[in-house]
Amino acid sequence: MRNCSVSWKLIISKSSRKFLRKIPKKDAERVFLAFQELAVNPYSGDIAKMKDKENEWRRRVGAYRIFYEMDENRKIIDINYIKRALPKLINLPS
C-alpha cells in the first residue's frame, strides 16, 4: 500500500474497535490492512452488497467479515461491525 493516497474517511464503530482488541493480533493486522485498502478504494477486494440493506456492504478478510456503509457524496465509510464467519458444515455420507 505504498504511495497510495487515501480518498475516503473511515469511521470505525466502538463495537468494531472492541472486537479488534479481542481477536488474535495477526488477524487484527489483516483487518487493519483491509481498512487501509477500503480508504483508497471501497470497491476493491472480496466485497458484496447486502441484499436486505439499502447501502450496506460486506468485505471478507480471512475468517472475518467487515460490514460497512458508504456515503459516496461525502466519501465516508462507516464500519458498522465485524464478525467472525461461521465455518460451513459439510454433510458427510453415512
N, C-alpha and C. Protein backbone atom coordinates (compact mmCIF):
# COMPACT_ATOMS: atom_id res chain seq x y z
N MET A 1 0.83 -1.19 0.00
CA MET A 1 0.00 0.00 0.00
C MET A 1 0.88 1.26 0.00
N ARG A 2 2.05 1.19 -0.53
CA ARG A 2 2.91 2.36 -0.59
C ARG A 2 2.45 3.30 -1.69
N ASN A 3 2.67 4.58 -1.45
CA ASN A 3 2.37 5.63 -2.43
C ASN A 3 0.90 5.65 -2.84
N CYS A 4 0.01 5.22 -1.96
CA CYS A 4 -1.42 5.28 -2.24
C CYS A 4 -2.01 6.44 -1.45
N SER A 5 -2.86 7.20 -2.09
CA SER A 5 -3.48 8.30 -1.37
C SER A 5 -4.84 7.87 -0.85
N VAL A 6 -5.12 8.27 0.36
CA VAL A 6 -6.40 7.95 0.99
C VAL A 6 -7.43 8.93 0.44
N SER A 7 -8.52 8.41 -0.08
CA SER A 7 -9.55 9.29 -0.62
C SER A 7 -10.86 9.20 0.15
N TRP A 8 -11.01 8.19 1.02
CA TRP A 8 -12.22 8.02 1.81
C TRP A 8 -11.87 8.11 3.29
N LYS A 9 -12.78 8.68 4.06
CA LYS A 9 -12.61 8.75 5.51
C LYS A 9 -13.32 7.55 6.13
N LEU A 10 -12.65 6.86 7.05
CA LEU A 10 -13.24 5.72 7.74
C LEU A 10 -13.67 6.12 9.14
N ILE A 11 -14.88 5.73 9.51
CA ILE A 11 -15.37 5.91 10.86
C ILE A 11 -15.62 4.50 11.40
N ILE A 12 -14.85 4.12 12.41
CA ILE A 12 -14.92 2.76 12.95
C ILE A 12 -15.73 2.78 14.24
N SER A 13 -16.78 1.98 14.29
CA SER A 13 -17.67 1.96 15.45
C SER A 13 -16.94 1.47 16.70
N LYS A 14 -17.48 1.84 17.84
CA LYS A 14 -16.91 1.43 19.13
C LYS A 14 -16.92 -0.09 19.25
N SER A 15 -18.00 -0.73 18.81
CA SER A 15 -18.09 -2.19 18.92
C SER A 15 -17.05 -2.86 18.02
N SER A 16 -16.75 -2.27 16.87
CA SER A 16 -15.73 -2.83 15.97
C SER A 16 -14.34 -2.72 16.60
N ARG A 17 -14.06 -1.57 17.21
CA ARG A 17 -12.76 -1.40 17.87
C ARG A 17 -12.61 -2.40 19.02
N LYS A 18 -13.68 -2.60 19.78
CA LYS A 18 -13.66 -3.55 20.89
C LYS A 18 -13.43 -4.97 20.36
N PHE A 19 -14.11 -5.33 19.27
CA PHE A 19 -13.95 -6.65 18.67
C PHE A 19 -12.50 -6.88 18.25
N LEU A 20 -11.88 -5.86 17.64
CA LEU A 20 -10.49 -6.00 17.17
C LEU A 20 -9.51 -6.22 18.31
N ARG A 21 -9.81 -5.68 19.49
CA ARG A 21 -8.92 -5.88 20.64
C ARG A 21 -8.99 -7.32 21.16
N LYS A 22 -10.06 -8.03 20.83
CA LYS A 22 -10.27 -9.38 21.37
C LYS A 22 -9.75 -10.49 20.46
N ILE A 23 -9.49 -10.18 19.19
CA ILE A 23 -9.06 -11.23 18.26
C ILE A 23 -7.53 -11.30 18.24
N PRO A 24 -6.96 -12.41 17.73
CA PRO A 24 -5.50 -12.53 17.65
C PRO A 24 -4.88 -11.35 16.88
N LYS A 25 -3.72 -10.94 17.32
CA LYS A 25 -3.04 -9.77 16.75
C LYS A 25 -2.85 -9.90 15.24
N LYS A 26 -2.47 -11.08 14.77
CA LYS A 26 -2.25 -11.29 13.34
C LYS A 26 -3.55 -11.06 12.55
N ASP A 27 -4.67 -11.52 13.09
CA ASP A 27 -5.96 -11.31 12.42
C ASP A 27 -6.34 -9.83 12.43
N ALA A 28 -6.10 -9.16 13.55
CA ALA A 28 -6.41 -7.73 13.65
C ALA A 28 -5.58 -6.94 12.64
N GLU A 29 -4.33 -7.33 12.44
CA GLU A 29 -3.47 -6.65 11.46
C GLU A 29 -4.03 -6.81 10.04
N ARG A 30 -4.56 -7.99 9.73
CA ARG A 30 -5.16 -8.21 8.41
C ARG A 30 -6.39 -7.34 8.21
N VAL A 31 -7.19 -7.20 9.28
CA VAL A 31 -8.38 -6.36 9.20
C VAL A 31 -7.97 -4.89 9.02
N PHE A 32 -6.94 -4.44 9.76
CA PHE A 32 -6.46 -3.07 9.61
C PHE A 32 -5.95 -2.81 8.19
N LEU A 33 -5.28 -3.79 7.60
CA LEU A 33 -4.83 -3.66 6.22
C LEU A 33 -6.03 -3.49 5.29
N ALA A 34 -7.10 -4.25 5.54
CA ALA A 34 -8.32 -4.13 4.74
C ALA A 34 -8.93 -2.73 4.91
N PHE A 35 -8.85 -2.17 6.13
CA PHE A 35 -9.33 -0.80 6.36
C PHE A 35 -8.56 0.17 5.47
N GLN A 36 -7.24 0.01 5.41
CA GLN A 36 -6.42 0.89 4.58
C GLN A 36 -6.81 0.78 3.11
N GLU A 37 -7.07 -0.44 2.67
CA GLU A 37 -7.48 -0.66 1.28
C GLU A 37 -8.85 -0.05 1.01
N LEU A 38 -9.77 -0.15 1.98
CA LEU A 38 -11.09 0.46 1.83
C LEU A 38 -10.98 1.97 1.70
N ALA A 39 -10.07 2.57 2.46
CA ALA A 39 -9.90 4.03 2.42
C ALA A 39 -9.42 4.51 1.05
N VAL A 40 -8.72 3.65 0.33
CA VAL A 40 -8.24 4.00 -1.01
C VAL A 40 -9.31 3.68 -2.05
N ASN A 41 -9.90 2.48 -1.95
CA ASN A 41 -10.92 2.05 -2.92
C ASN A 41 -11.88 1.09 -2.24
N PRO A 42 -13.06 1.56 -1.84
CA PRO A 42 -14.02 0.70 -1.13
C PRO A 42 -14.64 -0.38 -2.00
N TYR A 43 -14.38 -0.36 -3.30
CA TYR A 43 -14.94 -1.37 -4.20
C TYR A 43 -13.95 -2.48 -4.54
N SER A 44 -12.78 -2.46 -3.91
CA SER A 44 -11.79 -3.50 -4.19
C SER A 44 -11.89 -4.61 -3.16
N GLY A 45 -11.27 -5.73 -3.46
CA GLY A 45 -11.29 -6.85 -2.53
C GLY A 45 -12.53 -7.70 -2.70
N ASP A 46 -12.71 -8.62 -1.80
CA ASP A 46 -13.84 -9.56 -1.84
C ASP A 46 -15.03 -8.91 -1.14
N ILE A 47 -15.79 -8.12 -1.91
CA ILE A 47 -16.92 -7.39 -1.33
C ILE A 47 -18.23 -7.86 -1.94
N ALA A 48 -19.32 -7.58 -1.24
CA ALA A 48 -20.66 -7.87 -1.75
C ALA A 48 -21.62 -6.87 -1.14
N LYS A 49 -22.56 -6.40 -1.94
CA LYS A 49 -23.60 -5.52 -1.42
C LYS A 49 -24.64 -6.39 -0.72
N MET A 50 -25.04 -5.98 0.46
CA MET A 50 -26.02 -6.74 1.22
C MET A 50 -27.40 -6.54 0.58
N LYS A 51 -28.09 -7.63 0.34
CA LYS A 51 -29.37 -7.57 -0.37
C LYS A 51 -30.47 -6.92 0.45
N ASP A 52 -30.49 -7.18 1.74
CA ASP A 52 -31.59 -6.69 2.57
C ASP A 52 -31.35 -5.29 3.13
N LYS A 53 -30.21 -4.70 2.84
CA LYS A 53 -29.88 -3.36 3.35
C LYS A 53 -29.68 -2.42 2.16
N GLU A 54 -30.11 -1.19 2.32
CA GLU A 54 -30.04 -0.24 1.21
C GLU A 54 -28.61 0.09 0.79
N ASN A 55 -27.76 0.36 1.77
CA ASN A 55 -26.41 0.80 1.42
C ASN A 55 -25.35 0.10 2.26
N GLU A 56 -25.58 -1.16 2.60
CA GLU A 56 -24.60 -1.89 3.41
C GLU A 56 -23.83 -2.86 2.53
N TRP A 57 -22.54 -2.93 2.81
CA TRP A 57 -21.63 -3.80 2.08
C TRP A 57 -20.92 -4.72 3.05
N ARG A 58 -20.38 -5.81 2.51
CA ARG A 58 -19.62 -6.76 3.31
C ARG A 58 -18.30 -7.02 2.61
N ARG A 59 -17.22 -7.04 3.38
CA ARG A 59 -15.91 -7.40 2.82
C ARG A 59 -15.37 -8.57 3.61
N ARG A 60 -14.90 -9.59 2.87
CA ARG A 60 -14.29 -10.76 3.51
C ARG A 60 -12.82 -10.51 3.74
N VAL A 61 -12.38 -10.84 4.95
CA VAL A 61 -10.96 -10.76 5.30
C VAL A 61 -10.65 -12.04 6.08
N GLY A 62 -10.18 -13.06 5.38
CA GLY A 62 -9.91 -14.34 6.03
C GLY A 62 -11.18 -14.89 6.66
N ALA A 63 -11.12 -15.16 7.96
CA ALA A 63 -12.27 -15.73 8.67
C ALA A 63 -13.21 -14.65 9.20
N TYR A 64 -12.98 -13.40 8.83
CA TYR A 64 -13.77 -12.29 9.36
C TYR A 64 -14.52 -11.57 8.25
N ARG A 65 -15.60 -10.90 8.65
CA ARG A 65 -16.40 -10.11 7.72
C ARG A 65 -16.54 -8.70 8.28
N ILE A 66 -16.26 -7.72 7.44
CA ILE A 66 -16.41 -6.32 7.81
C ILE A 66 -17.70 -5.83 7.14
N PHE A 67 -18.61 -5.28 7.93
CA PHE A 67 -19.86 -4.74 7.41
C PHE A 67 -19.80 -3.22 7.50
N TYR A 68 -20.06 -2.56 6.37
CA TYR A 68 -19.91 -1.11 6.34
C TYR A 68 -20.92 -0.46 5.40
N GLU A 69 -21.10 0.84 5.60
CA GLU A 69 -21.95 1.66 4.74
C GLU A 69 -21.09 2.76 4.13
N MET A 70 -21.45 3.17 2.92
CA MET A 70 -20.69 4.21 2.22
C MET A 70 -21.58 5.41 1.94
N ASP A 71 -21.03 6.58 2.13
CA ASP A 71 -21.66 7.83 1.71
C ASP A 71 -20.81 8.35 0.56
N GLU A 72 -21.27 8.10 -0.66
CA GLU A 72 -20.49 8.44 -1.85
C GLU A 72 -20.26 9.94 -1.99
N ASN A 73 -21.25 10.74 -1.63
CA ASN A 73 -21.11 12.19 -1.79
C ASN A 73 -20.05 12.77 -0.87
N ARG A 74 -20.02 12.30 0.37
CA ARG A 74 -19.07 12.83 1.35
C ARG A 74 -17.79 12.00 1.43
N LYS A 75 -17.74 10.87 0.72
CA LYS A 75 -16.58 9.96 0.73
C LYS A 75 -16.28 9.48 2.15
N ILE A 76 -17.33 8.97 2.81
CA ILE A 76 -17.20 8.46 4.17
C ILE A 76 -17.64 7.00 4.19
N ILE A 77 -16.86 6.17 4.89
CA ILE A 77 -17.21 4.77 5.11
C ILE A 77 -17.41 4.58 6.60
N ASP A 78 -18.60 4.11 6.97
CA ASP A 78 -18.90 3.78 8.37
C ASP A 78 -18.73 2.29 8.56
N ILE A 79 -17.73 1.89 9.34
CA ILE A 79 -17.55 0.48 9.68
C ILE A 79 -18.52 0.20 10.81
N ASN A 80 -19.60 -0.52 10.51
CA ASN A 80 -20.66 -0.76 11.49
C ASN A 80 -20.29 -1.86 12.47
N TYR A 81 -19.82 -3.00 11.94
CA TYR A 81 -19.44 -4.11 12.81
C TYR A 81 -18.58 -5.11 12.05
N ILE A 82 -17.92 -5.95 12.82
CA ILE A 82 -17.07 -7.01 12.28
C ILE A 82 -17.52 -8.30 12.94
N LYS A 83 -17.60 -9.36 12.16
CA LYS A 83 -18.00 -10.67 12.70
C LYS A 83 -17.02 -11.73 12.23
N ARG A 84 -16.90 -12.76 13.03
CA ARG A 84 -16.16 -13.94 12.60
C ARG A 84 -17.13 -14.80 11.81
N ALA A 85 -16.70 -15.25 10.65
CA ALA A 85 -17.56 -16.08 9.80
C ALA A 85 -17.71 -17.46 10.41
N LEU A 86 -18.88 -18.00 10.30
CA LEU A 86 -19.12 -19.36 10.78
C LEU A 86 -18.60 -20.35 9.75
N PRO A 87 -17.95 -21.41 10.21
CA PRO A 87 -17.47 -22.41 9.24
C PRO A 87 -18.64 -23.11 8.57
N LYS A 88 -18.47 -23.42 7.30
CA LYS A 88 -19.52 -24.15 6.58
C LYS A 88 -19.44 -25.61 6.98
N LEU A 89 -20.59 -26.17 7.24
CA LEU A 89 -20.66 -27.58 7.63
C LEU A 89 -20.77 -28.44 6.37
N ILE A 90 -20.04 -29.51 6.37
CA ILE A 90 -20.05 -30.43 5.23
C ILE A 90 -20.84 -31.67 5.63
N ASN A 91 -21.81 -32.03 4.80
CA ASN A 91 -22.57 -33.25 5.05
C ASN A 91 -21.77 -34.44 4.53
N LEU A 92 -21.35 -35.28 5.44
CA LEU A 92 -20.61 -36.47 5.05
C LEU A 92 -21.58 -37.62 4.82
N PRO A 93 -21.30 -38.46 3.84
CA PRO A 93 -22.19 -39.60 3.62
C PRO A 93 -22.14 -40.55 4.81
N SER A 94 -23.28 -41.17 5.12
CA SER A 94 -23.31 -42.09 6.26
C SER A 94 -22.84 -43.46 5.89
